[in-house]
Amino acid sequence: MSMFSTMEAQTAQFELDMAKVVKRLERQVQKIIDGLQSVNGTLTTSASALNDALNISKDLAEALKDSGYYELAEKTLKQNTKLMNLRHDELKTLLGRERLGKIDTTTLNALNKMNFQGMSGLGESSIIRIREAIFNSVNLGLPLTQLRDELMNSTGILKHHAETYIRTAKREFSQRVEDNVAEKVGFGEDKDDIWEYSPSITQSNSHKECIWAVGKRYFTNAQKNEFNSGGGYSHSEPRWNCVHRFTITNMTYDEAFGGEETSLMKETIKAENGIRNLTNEKFIALDGNGKIIFNKLGDIDRVGISNLDILDMKQNGLQVITHNHPPITHILKGEYKYRKSGKQYWKESNVKLDNPLHPTFSSKDIELALQYDIPEIRATSPDGAFIFKQKQNALSGGKVWNKKAMGKINERFSNAYSEYYWDKDILDKFNSGVWSVEEATNESINRLIRTISKETNWDYYFEKII
């Protein structure tokens, strides 16, 4: 069995054993409740009855101990040693090494000890909850049946919290083993050291950040560290009841992020083949497996996408956004002016171009990628696609997104539409008639995006259809 399947089996067995522990605890506490002073099924509120309720803590603590709760917690955490040995052997095979060196068990043993203390704390909290329920019931003279309901509720909470804690503890332990081996072999120091967020399964109640990370799937060491610090997809740690962890892979950076044709790449190209020649823009979003998770047809020059749409896509594993920019087949000759948005309009038209012009990204495209930490955004046309894609340690999200920074980017895009800010060689070609205003503007924007890509450590290039 693999380390992961063994971990799942251990957790499932704990849940079965925990059900037995809870039944024993309920029987023990029921005996204590039966000993309380009552009349016709209702607790009495005499001074002696209240005194009995106040002095019940020791009996409840003994009941928890006799239920086998502490023994089960200790046994289950000790089973982590098997997980450690299994994963150690798996990694030797994966990395092609006969030996990986001895795992440093000091930290792992300390983690087990800390988690046992956490489990003990859950048990003690449950006893406090039961004691308070008993005292309040005696103080108010409640029916015994109502107190029994409180008991069942308290033990149910203990079972749920204990199962959540054990699952989380085992995931943290397995991650520490992975990180320990990585440190020993120097994994994570090279660009081609790639982590996988695994296993590649999610459920309806999975954490939103896990759905996102499973969709992204592969992470550089820097991206892994950022995620574990609550970044990438904003969240808090620890991820309670989560089974996912970062595992070492033998993939290269290019294999993980596009050097080799993956199912995501195939499905992206397939989707783009269906929209390249449309006269209206169409927006398509895909997850890490190449599944289309959102698509929408818009107008000739825009598609309306809301912030909620983007957040919903990210929760469903958004990895690539692509959309078509209908080619410019005609240019408009004559006097033109500028709108406040920076886009030009003309008084008269219209001359057909021998070679259609394919627009690159708009300011909204770049803003979308940077603000929402989109791994890859594409603008496709009949003969290829412009690509704006995260590199290792790319800046995005909170690192670059604020009103001041994006305001400057929008201002720079607006300037790129104006002859006043064009580079001299662009202006010369425009004034001499070599380039139309659209051609000159497109090149000006191309240069701006190349500059922004260098500033934020993103890739920007045109991928031609062969």
Foldseek 3Di string as FASTA:
>chain_A
DALLVVLVVLLVVLLVLLVQLLVQLLVQVVVVLVPQDADPQWAAQDPVSLVSLVPCLVSSVVSSVVSCQLVSLLVSLVCLVVSLVRVLVVVCVQVVHPDLDDFDCPVLVVLSVVLSVVLVVLSSVLSVQLSVLSSVRNNVRGGSVVSSVSSVVSSVVSSVVNSQSSLLSSLVSSQSSQVRSCVSVVQQPDQFWKKFWDDLDDDPPADLVSLQRSQLGIDHSVRLVQVVPQDPPHDDDDRTSDNIHIHTHNGGNCVSQPVDDAQLNVLVVVVCVVAQADQWKKKWWATNNSDTPDIDTDGNADDDDDPVNLSVCSSNHTAEMEMENHWAQWDADDDWDADPQLDIDHPGDTGGDPDTHGAADALVQVLVCQQNVHQKYWYHHPFWIKIKGADVQFHGHPRQDDCVNSVVSSVQLSVLLDLVNADPVLNVCCVVVVDPSVRSSRVSVVVSVVVVCVVRVIDIDIDTDD
